Amino acid sequence: MRATKKIAKRLKDPNIDQESAATFSKLIDALDGRDKFDIGRLFKLNYNDFELSLTLLVDWRLHQFAKPAGGLKQVLDETVQDNHHWH
């Protein structure tokens, strides 16, 4: 999922604000079925993060039946780990 990789990169960005990071985390939890999500949080994001969250929703919808057992959190964690191996 390309959006997951972009979110993993964004979450490592030292300039990301706490609210945006929390919104991405809550959205991922909700898409994995672990939590509810207030869609209004998306409208508080800057435009680029808002667009990234929409891309995540599209990716999730396209791949929801093929997601790994650990869900999006697992994909995000694996992406972060893979990125550490490259640096």
PDB file of N, CA and C in Angstrom:
ATOM      1  N   MET A   1       0.838  -1.173   0.000  1.00  0.00           N
ATOM      2  CA  MET A   1       0.000   0.000   0.000  1.00  0.00           C
ATOM      3  C   MET A   1       0.885   1.239   0.000  1.00  0.00           C
ATOM      4  N   ARG A   2       0.821   1.959  -1.056  1.00  0.00           N
ATOM      5  CA  ARG A   2       1.712   3.119  -1.176  1.00  0.00           C
ATOM      6  C   ARG A   2       1.404   4.207  -0.159  1.00  0.00           C
ATOM      7  N   ALA A   3       0.140   4.391   0.194  1.00  0.00           N
ATOM      8  CA  ALA A   3      -0.217   5.417   1.180  1.00  0.00           C
ATOM      9  C   ALA A   3       0.366   5.083   2.544  1.00  0.00           C
ATOM     10  N   THR A   4       0.391   3.807   2.889  1.00  0.00           N
ATOM     11  CA  THR A   4       0.950   3.396   4.178  1.00  0.00           C
ATOM     12  C   THR A   4       2.425   3.752   4.254  1.00  0.00           C
ATOM     13  N   LYS A   5       3.144   3.534   3.170  1.00  0.00           N
ATOM     14  CA  LYS A   5       4.570   3.885   3.144  1.00  0.00           C
ATOM     15  C   LYS A   5       4.762   5.393   3.269  1.00  0.00           C
ATOM     16  N   LYS A   6       3.897   6.149   2.605  1.00  0.00           N
ATOM     17  CA  LYS A   6       3.999   7.605   2.692  1.00  0.00           C
ATOM     18  C   LYS A   6       3.670   8.096   4.102  1.00  0.00           C
ATOM     19  N   ILE A   7       2.680   7.463   4.746  1.00  0.00           N
ATOM     20  CA  ILE A   7       2.334   7.845   6.115  1.00  0.00           C
ATOM     21  C   ILE A   7       3.473   7.483   7.063  1.00  0.00           C
ATOM     22  N   ALA A   8       4.085   6.323   6.864  1.00  0.00           N
ATOM     23  CA  ALA A   8       5.224   5.942   7.707  1.00  0.00           C
ATOM     24  C   ALA A   8       6.339   6.977   7.582  1.00  0.00           C
ATOM     25  N   LYS A   9       6.598   7.419   6.360  1.00  0.00           N
ATOM     26  CA  LYS A   9       7.619   8.449   6.135  1.00  0.00           C
ATOM     27  C   LYS A   9       7.196   9.766   6.792  1.00  0.00           C
ATOM     28  N   ARG A  10       5.930  10.103   6.653  1.00  0.00           N
ATOM     29  CA  ARG A  10       5.419  11.350   7.233  1.00  0.00           C
ATOM     30  C   ARG A  10       5.512  11.332   8.757  1.00  0.00           C
ATOM     31  N   LEU A  11       5.204  10.185   9.357  1.00  0.00           N
ATOM     32  CA  LEU A  11       5.264  10.078  10.816  1.00  0.00           C
ATOM     33  C   LEU A  11       6.690  10.224  11.349  1.00  0.00           C
ATOM     34  N   LYS A  12       7.675   9.950  10.507  1.00  0.00           N
ATOM     35  CA  LYS A  12       9.077  10.126  10.911  1.00  0.00           C
ATOM     36  C   LYS A  12       9.563  11.556  10.686  1.00  0.00           C
ATOM     37  N   ASP A  13       8.766  12.349  10.001  1.00  0.00           N
ATOM     38  CA  ASP A  13       9.124  13.737   9.702  1.00  0.00           C
ATOM     39  C   ASP A  13       9.179  14.544  11.003  1.00  0.00           C
ATOM     40  N   PRO A  14      10.304  15.169  11.300  1.00  0.00           N
ATOM     41  CA  PRO A  14      10.416  15.936  12.546  1.00  0.00           C
ATOM     42  C   PRO A  14       9.500  17.158  12.580  1.00  0.00           C
ATOM     43  N   ASN A  15       8.977  17.566  11.428  1.00  0.00           N
ATOM     44  CA  ASN A  15       8.107  18.745  11.372  1.00  0.00           C
ATOM     45  C   ASN A  15       6.623  18.416  11.508  1.00  0.00           C
ATOM     46  N   ILE A  16       6.271  17.135  11.642  1.00  0.00           N
ATOM     47  CA  ILE A  16       4.857  16.783  11.782  1.00  0.00           C
ATOM     48  C   ILE A  16       4.369  17.236  13.158  1.00  0.00           C
ATOM     49  N   ASP A  17       3.174  17.812  13.167  1.00  0.00           N
ATOM     50  CA  ASP A  17       2.631  18.235  14.454  1.00  0.00           C
ATOM     51  C   ASP A  17       1.954  17.043  15.136  1.00  0.00           C
ATOM     52  N   GLN A  18       1.837  17.124  16.440  1.00  0.00           N
ATOM     53  CA  GLN A  18       1.292  16.030  17.253  1.00  0.00           C
ATOM     54  C   GLN A  18      -0.132  15.670  16.831  1.00  0.00           C
ATOM     55  N   GLU A  19      -0.926  16.660  16.499  1.00  0.00           N
ATOM     56  CA  GLU A  19      -2.319  16.407  16.131  1.00  0.00           C
ATOM     57  C   GLU A  19      -2.421  15.611  14.831  1.00  0.00           C
ATOM     58  N   SER A  20      -1.595  15.938  13.857  1.00  0.00           N
ATOM     59  CA  SER A  20      -1.597  15.184  12.603  1.00  0.00           C
ATOM     60  C   SER A  20      -1.147  13.748  12.826  1.00  0.00           C
ATOM     61  N   ALA A  21      -0.102  13.574  13.617  1.00  0.00           N
ATOM     62  CA  ALA A  21       0.380  12.220  13.921  1.00  0.00           C
ATOM     63  C   ALA A  21      -0.703  11.413  14.626  1.00  0.00           C
ATOM     64  N   ALA A  22      -1.391  12.037  15.581  1.00  0.00           N
ATOM     65  CA  ALA A  22      -2.461  11.351  16.303  1.00  0.00           C
ATOM     66  C   ALA A  22      -3.621  11.009  15.369  1.00  0.00           C
ATOM     67  N   THR A  23      -3.929  11.910  14.444  1.00  0.00           N
ATOM     68  CA  THR A  23      -5.015  11.658  13.494  1.00  0.00           C
ATOM     69  C   THR A  23      -4.691  10.465  12.602  1.00  0.00           C
ATOM     70  N   PHE A  24      -3.464  10.403  12.082  1.00  0.00           N
ATOM     71  CA  PHE A  24      -3.072   9.250  11.268  1.00  0.00           C
ATOM     72  C   PHE A  24      -3.173   7.955  12.075  1.00  0.00           C
ATOM     73  N   SER A  25      -2.702   7.966  13.309  1.00  0.00           N
ATOM     74  CA  SER A  25      -2.750   6.769  14.156  1.00  0.00           C
ATOM     75  C   SER A  25      -4.186   6.336  14.422  1.00  0.00           C
ATOM     76  N   LYS A  26      -5.040   7.289  14.733  1.00  0.00           N
ATOM     77  CA  LYS A  26      -6.447   6.967  15.007  1.00  0.00           C
ATOM     78  C   LYS A  26      -7.153   6.455  13.750  1.00  0.00           C
ATOM     79  N   LEU A  27      -6.831   7.036  12.607  1.00  0.00           N
ATOM     80  CA  LEU A  27      -7.431   6.587  11.349  1.00  0.00           C
ATOM     81  C   LEU A  27      -7.020   5.147  11.051  1.00  0.00           C
ATOM     82  N   ILE A  28      -5.752   4.833  11.235  1.00  0.00           N
ATOM     83  CA  ILE A  28      -5.274   3.470  11.001  1.00  0.00           C
ATOM     84  C   ILE A  28      -5.949   2.492  11.953  1.00  0.00           C
ATOM     85  N   ASP A  29      -6.065   2.864  13.213  1.00  0.00           N
ATOM     86  CA  ASP A  29      -6.769   2.002  14.175  1.00  0.00           C
ATOM     87  C   ASP A  29      -8.218   1.773  13.754  1.00  0.00           C
ATOM     88  N   ALA A  30      -8.874   2.819  13.305  1.00  0.00           N
ATOM     89  CA  ALA A  30     -10.276   2.691  12.899  1.00  0.00           C
ATOM     90  C   ALA A  30     -10.419   1.796  11.672  1.00  0.00           C
ATOM     91  N   LEU A  31      -9.523   1.955  10.710  1.00  0.00           N
ATOM     92  CA  LEU A  31      -9.594   1.127   9.510  1.00  0.00           C
ATOM     93  C   LEU A  31      -9.303  -0.335   9.819  1.00  0.00           C
ATOM     94  N   ASP A  32      -8.545  -0.573  10.853  1.00  0.00           N
ATOM     95  CA  ASP A  32      -8.285  -1.945  11.290  1.00  0.00           C
ATOM     96  C   ASP A  32      -9.415  -2.486  12.150  1.00  0.00           C
ATOM     97  N   GLY A  33     -10.433  -1.653  12.390  1.00  0.00           N
ATOM     98  CA  GLY A  33     -11.595  -2.098  13.141  1.00  0.00           C
ATOM     99  C   GLY A  33     -11.421  -2.094  14.640  1.00  0.00           C
ATOM    100  N   ARG A  34     -10.391  -1.392  15.117  1.00  0.00           N
ATOM    101  CA  ARG A  34     -10.110  -1.373  16.552  1.00  0.00           C
ATOM    102  C   ARG A  34     -10.689  -0.164  17.265  1.00  0.00           C
ATOM    103  N   ASP A  35     -11.172   0.809  16.509  1.00  0.00           N
ATOM    104  CA  ASP A  35     -11.607   2.044  17.145  1.00  0.00           C
ATOM    105  C   ASP A  35     -12.539   2.793  16.212  1.00  0.00           C
ATOM    106  N   LYS A  36     -13.306   3.710  16.773  1.00  0.00           N
ATOM    107  CA  LYS A  36     -14.132   4.610  15.977  1.00  0.00           C
ATOM    108  C   LYS A  36     -13.274   5.801  15.582  1.00  0.00           C
ATOM    109  N   PHE A  37     -13.688   6.483  14.530  1.00  0.00           N
ATOM    110  CA  PHE A  37     -12.925   7.627  14.059  1.00  0.00           C
ATOM    111  C   PHE A  37     -13.873   8.777  13.739  1.00  0.00           C
ATOM    112  N   ASP A  38     -13.556   9.948  14.251  1.00  0.00           N
ATOM    113  CA  ASP A  38     -14.321  11.165  13.971  1.00  0.00           C
ATOM    114  C   ASP A  38     -13.802  11.757  12.665  1.00  0.00           C
ATOM    115  N   ILE A  39     -14.602  11.637  11.618  1.00  0.00           N
ATOM    116  CA  ILE A  39     -14.186  12.087  10.296  1.00  0.00           C
ATOM    117  C   ILE A  39     -13.829  13.577  10.286  1.00  0.00           C
ATOM    118  N   GLY A  40     -14.371  14.336  11.206  1.00  0.00           N
ATOM    119  CA  GLY A  40     -14.060  15.758  11.307  1.00  0.00           C
ATOM    120  C   GLY A  40     -12.590  16.034  11.565  1.00  0.00           C
ATOM    121  N   ARG A  41     -11.888  15.054  12.144  1.00  0.00           N
ATOM    122  CA  ARG A  41     -10.443  15.219  12.385  1.00  0.00           C
ATOM    123  C   ARG A  41      -9.682  15.434  11.092  1.00  0.00           C
ATOM    124  N   LEU A  42     -10.155  14.818  10.000  1.00  0.00           N
ATOM    125  CA  LEU A  42      -9.460  14.942   8.717  1.00  0.00           C
ATOM    126  C   LEU A  42      -9.450  16.391   8.234  1.00  0.00           C
ATOM    127  N   PHE A  43     -10.511  17.122   8.512  1.00  0.00           N
ATOM    128  CA  PHE A  43     -10.618  18.497   8.029  1.00  0.00           C
ATOM    129  C   PHE A  43      -9.710  19.458   8.800  1.00  0.00           C
ATOM    130  N   LYS A  44      -9.139  19.015   9.891  1.00  0.00           N
ATOM    131  CA  LYS A  44      -8.190  19.832  10.649  1.00  0.00           C
ATOM    132  C   LYS A  44      -6.760  19.656  10.151  1.00  0.00           C
ATOM    133  N   LEU A  45      -6.548  18.653   9.289  1.00  0.00           N
ATOM    134  CA  LEU A  45      -5.214  18.406   8.737  1.00  0.00           C
ATOM    135  C   LEU A  45      -4.869  19.459   7.690  1.00  0.00           C
ATOM    136  N   ASN A  46      -3.567  19.691   7.493  1.00  0.00           N
ATOM    137  CA  ASN A  46      -3.178  20.546   6.375  1.00  0.00           C
ATOM    138  C   ASN A  46      -3.542  19.807   5.084  1.00  0.00           C
ATOM    139  N   TYR A  47      -3.533  20.519   3.976  1.00  0.00           N
ATOM    140  CA  TYR A  47      -4.041  19.921   2.736  1.00  0.00           C
ATOM    141  C   TYR A  47      -3.276  18.657   2.336  1.00  0.00           C
ATOM    142  N   ASN A  48      -1.951  18.673   2.418  1.00  0.00           N
ATOM    143  CA  ASN A  48      -1.161  17.499   2.013  1.00  0.00           C
ATOM    144  C   ASN A  48      -1.474  16.282   2.881  1.00  0.00           C
ATOM    145  N   ASP A  49      -1.595  16.482   4.187  1.00  0.00           N
ATOM    146  CA  ASP A  49      -1.930  15.362   5.075  1.00  0.00           C
ATOM    147  C   ASP A  49      -3.372  14.902   4.843  1.00  0.00           C
ATOM    148  N   PHE A  50      -4.270  15.839   4.562  1.00  0.00           N
ATOM    149  CA  PHE A  50      -5.649  15.489   4.238  1.00  0.00           C
ATOM    150  C   PHE A  50      -5.682  14.613   2.994  1.00  0.00           C
ATOM    151  N   GLU A  51      -4.954  15.020   1.970  1.00  0.00           N
ATOM    152  CA  GLU A  51      -4.896  14.258   0.723  1.00  0.00           C
ATOM    153  C   GLU A  51      -4.296  12.871   0.966  1.00  0.00           C
ATOM    154  N   LEU A  52      -3.273  12.809   1.796  1.00  0.00           N
ATOM    155  CA  LEU A  52      -2.655  11.530   2.127  1.00  0.00           C
ATOM    156  C   LEU A  52      -3.639  10.615   2.857  1.00  0.00           C
ATOM    157  N   SER A  53      -4.441  11.177   3.738  1.00  0.00           N
ATOM    158  CA  SER A  53      -5.432  10.364   4.452  1.00  0.00           C
ATOM    159  C   SER A  53      -6.494   9.837   3.485  1.00  0.00           C
ATOM    160  N   LEU A  54      -6.872  10.636   2.502  1.00  0.00           N
ATOM    161  CA  LEU A  54      -7.830  10.167   1.492  1.00  0.00           C
ATOM    162  C   LEU A  54      -7.234   9.045   0.645  1.00  0.00           C
ATOM    163  N   THR A  55      -5.961   9.169   0.310  1.00  0.00           N
ATOM    164  CA  THR A  55      -5.279   8.117  -0.433  1.00  0.00           C
ATOM    165  C   THR A  55      -5.247   6.826   0.375  1.00  0.00           C
ATOM    166  N   LEU A  56      -5.021   6.957   1.681  1.00  0.00           N
ATOM    167  CA  LEU A  56      -5.049   5.783   2.551  1.00  0.00           C
ATOM    168  C   LEU A  56      -6.429   5.129   2.517  1.00  0.00           C
ATOM    169  N   LEU A  57      -7.483   5.929   2.574  1.00  0.00           N
ATOM    170  CA  LEU A  57      -8.845   5.389   2.522  1.00  0.00           C
ATOM    171  C   LEU A  57      -9.099   4.646   1.209  1.00  0.00           C
ATOM    172  N   VAL A  58      -8.640   5.203   0.118  1.00  0.00           N
ATOM    173  CA  VAL A  58      -8.812   4.543  -1.182  1.00  0.00           C
ATOM    174  C   VAL A  58      -8.029   3.233  -1.214  1.00  0.00           C
ATOM    175  N   ASP A  59      -6.774   3.271  -0.789  1.00  0.00           N
ATOM    176  CA  ASP A  59      -5.962   2.051  -0.750  1.00  0.00           C
ATOM    177  C   ASP A  59      -6.605   0.988   0.129  1.00  0.00           C
ATOM    178  N   TRP A  60      -7.072   1.414   1.305  1.00  0.00           N
ATOM    179  CA  TRP A  60      -7.704   0.481   2.233  1.00  0.00           C
ATOM    180  C   TRP A  60      -8.916  -0.165   1.585  1.00  0.00           C
ATOM    181  N   ARG A  61      -9.731   0.632   0.919  1.00  0.00           N
ATOM    182  CA  ARG A  61     -10.940   0.110   0.280  1.00  0.00           C
ATOM    183  C   ARG A  61     -10.584  -0.906  -0.798  1.00  0.00           C
ATOM    184  N   LEU A  62      -9.555  -0.620  -1.572  1.00  0.00           N
ATOM    185  CA  LEU A  62      -9.157  -1.524  -2.653  1.00  0.00           C
ATOM    186  C   LEU A  62      -8.545  -2.820  -2.136  1.00  0.00           C
ATOM    187  N   HIS A  63      -7.915  -2.759  -0.962  1.00  0.00           N
ATOM    188  CA  HIS A  63      -7.163  -3.918  -0.451  1.00  0.00           C
ATOM    189  C   HIS A  63      -7.736  -4.505   0.831  1.00  0.00           C
ATOM    190  N   GLN A  64      -8.926  -4.108   1.218  1.00  0.00           N
ATOM    191  CA  GLN A  64      -9.431  -4.537   2.513  1.00  0.00           C
ATOM    192  C   GLN A  64      -9.575  -6.050   2.633  1.00  0.00           C
ATOM    193  N   PHE A  65      -9.790  -6.751   1.550  1.00  0.00           N
ATOM    194  CA  PHE A  65      -9.961  -8.185   1.627  1.00  0.00           C
ATOM    195  C   PHE A  65      -8.633  -8.938   1.545  1.00  0.00           C
ATOM    196  N   ALA A  66      -7.575  -8.230   1.186  1.00  0.00           N
ATOM    197  CA  ALA A  66      -6.273  -8.867   1.057  1.00  0.00           C
ATOM    198  C   ALA A  66      -5.278  -8.400   2.109  1.00  0.00           C
ATOM    199  N   LYS A  67      -5.755  -7.668   3.115  1.00  0.00           N
ATOM    200  CA  LYS A  67      -4.829  -7.130   4.107  1.00  0.00           C
ATOM    201  C   LYS A  67      -4.251  -8.247   4.976  1.00  0.00           C
ATOM    202  N   PRO A  68      -3.051  -8.046   5.498  1.00  0.00           N
ATOM    203  CA  PRO A  68      -2.437  -9.060   6.348  1.00  0.00           C
ATOM    204  C   PRO A  68      -3.199  -9.206   7.667  1.00  0.00           C
ATOM    205  N   ALA A  69      -2.943 -10.309   8.348  1.00  0.00           N
ATOM    206  CA  ALA A  69      -3.644 -10.599   9.607  1.00  0.00           C
ATOM    207  C   ALA A  69      -3.501  -9.468  10.617  1.00  0.00           C
ATOM    208  N   GLY A  70      -2.366  -8.791  10.627  1.00  0.00           N
ATOM    209  CA  GLY A  70      -2.124  -7.713  11.571  1.00  0.00           C
ATOM    210  C   GLY A  70      -2.717  -6.385  11.141  1.00  0.00           C
ATOM    211  N   GLY A  71      -3.279  -6.321   9.944  1.00  0.00           N
ATOM    212  CA  GLY A  71      -3.918  -5.115   9.464  1.00  0.00           C
ATOM    213  C   GLY A  71      -2.950  -4.007   9.101  1.00  0.00           C
ATOM    214  N   LEU A  72      -3.490  -2.812   9.007  1.00  0.00           N
ATOM    215  CA  LEU A  72      -2.692  -1.657   8.596  1.00  0.00           C
ATOM    216  C   LEU A  72      -1.575  -1.345   9.578  1.00  0.00           C
ATOM    217  N   LYS A  73      -1.824  -1.552  10.869  1.00  0.00           N
ATOM    218  CA  LYS A  73      -0.772  -1.294  11.868  1.00  0.00           C
ATOM    219  C   LYS A  73       0.441  -2.149  11.573  1.00  0.00           C
ATOM    220  N   GLN A  74       0.220  -3.421  11.207  1.00  0.00           N
ATOM    221  CA  GLN A  74       1.341  -4.318  10.897  1.00  0.00           C
ATOM    222  C   GLN A  74       2.077  -3.819   9.657  1.00  0.00           C
ATOM    223  N   VAL A  75       1.331  -3.426   8.627  1.00  0.00           N
ATOM    224  CA  VAL A  75       1.953  -2.912   7.413  1.00  0.00           C
ATOM    225  C   VAL A  75       2.766  -1.664   7.729  1.00  0.00           C
ATOM    226  N   LEU A  76       2.212  -0.766   8.531  1.00  0.00           N
ATOM    227  CA  LEU A  76       2.916   0.453   8.911  1.00  0.00           C
ATOM    228  C   LEU A  76       4.181   0.129   9.695  1.00  0.00           C
ATOM    229  N   ASP A  77       4.079  -0.774  10.675  1.00  0.00           N
ATOM    230  CA  ASP A  77       5.243  -1.164  11.471  1.00  0.00           C
ATOM    231  C   ASP A  77       6.324  -1.783  10.595  1.00  0.00           C
ATOM    232  N   GLU A  78       5.925  -2.647   9.659  1.00  0.00           N
ATOM    233  CA  GLU A  78       6.898  -3.280   8.764  1.00  0.00           C
ATOM    234  C   GLU A  78       7.552  -2.256   7.856  1.00  0.00           C
ATOM    235  N   THR A  79       6.781  -1.280   7.402  1.00  0.00           N
ATOM    236  CA  THR A  79       7.315  -0.234   6.542  1.00  0.00           C
ATOM    237  C   THR A  79       8.340   0.603   7.291  1.00  0.00           C
ATOM    238  N   VAL A  80       8.037   0.944   8.532  1.00  0.00           N
ATOM    239  CA  VAL A  80       8.975   1.709   9.350  1.00  0.00           C
ATOM    240  C   VAL A  80      10.257   0.909   9.562  1.00  0.00           C
ATOM    241  N   GLN A  81      10.131  -0.373   9.839  1.00  0.00           N
ATOM    242  CA  GLN A  81      11.306  -1.235  10.034  1.00  0.00           C
ATOM    243  C   GLN A  81      12.120  -1.336   8.755  1.00  0.00           C
ATOM    244  N   ASP A  82      11.441  -1.491   7.604  1.00  0.00           N
ATOM    245  CA  ASP A  82      12.143  -1.560   6.317  1.00  0.00           C
ATOM    246  C   ASP A  82      12.896  -0.275   6.048  1.00  0.00           C
ATOM    247  N   ASN A  83      12.304   0.868   6.384  1.00  0.00           N
ATOM    248  CA  ASN A  83      12.956   2.151   6.167  1.00  0.00           C
ATOM    249  C   ASN A  83      14.200   2.296   7.030  1.00  0.00           C
ATOM    250  N   HIS A  84      14.196   1.710   8.226  1.00  0.00           N
ATOM    251  CA  HIS A  84      15.378   1.772   9.087  1.00  0.00           C
ATOM    252  C   HIS A  84      16.534   0.983   8.506  1.00  0.00           C
ATOM    253  N   HIS A  85      16.250  -0.078   7.769  1.00  0.00           N
ATOM    254  CA  HIS A  85      17.305  -0.889   7.165  1.00  0.00           C
ATOM    255  C   HIS A  85      17.997  -0.151   6.021  1.00  0.00           C
ATOM    256  N   TRP A  86      17.333   0.794   5.419  1.00  0.00           N
ATOM    257  CA  TRP A  86      17.895   1.515   4.296  1.00  0.00           C
ATOM    258  C   TRP A  86      18.730   2.713   4.704  1.00  0.00           C
ATOM    259  N   HIS A  87      18.604   3.116   5.949  1.00  0.00           N
ATOM    260  CA  HIS A  87      19.333   4.329   6.390  1.00  0.00           C
ATOM    261  C   HIS A  87      20.546   3.974   7.186  1.00  0.00           C
TER     262      HIS A  87
END
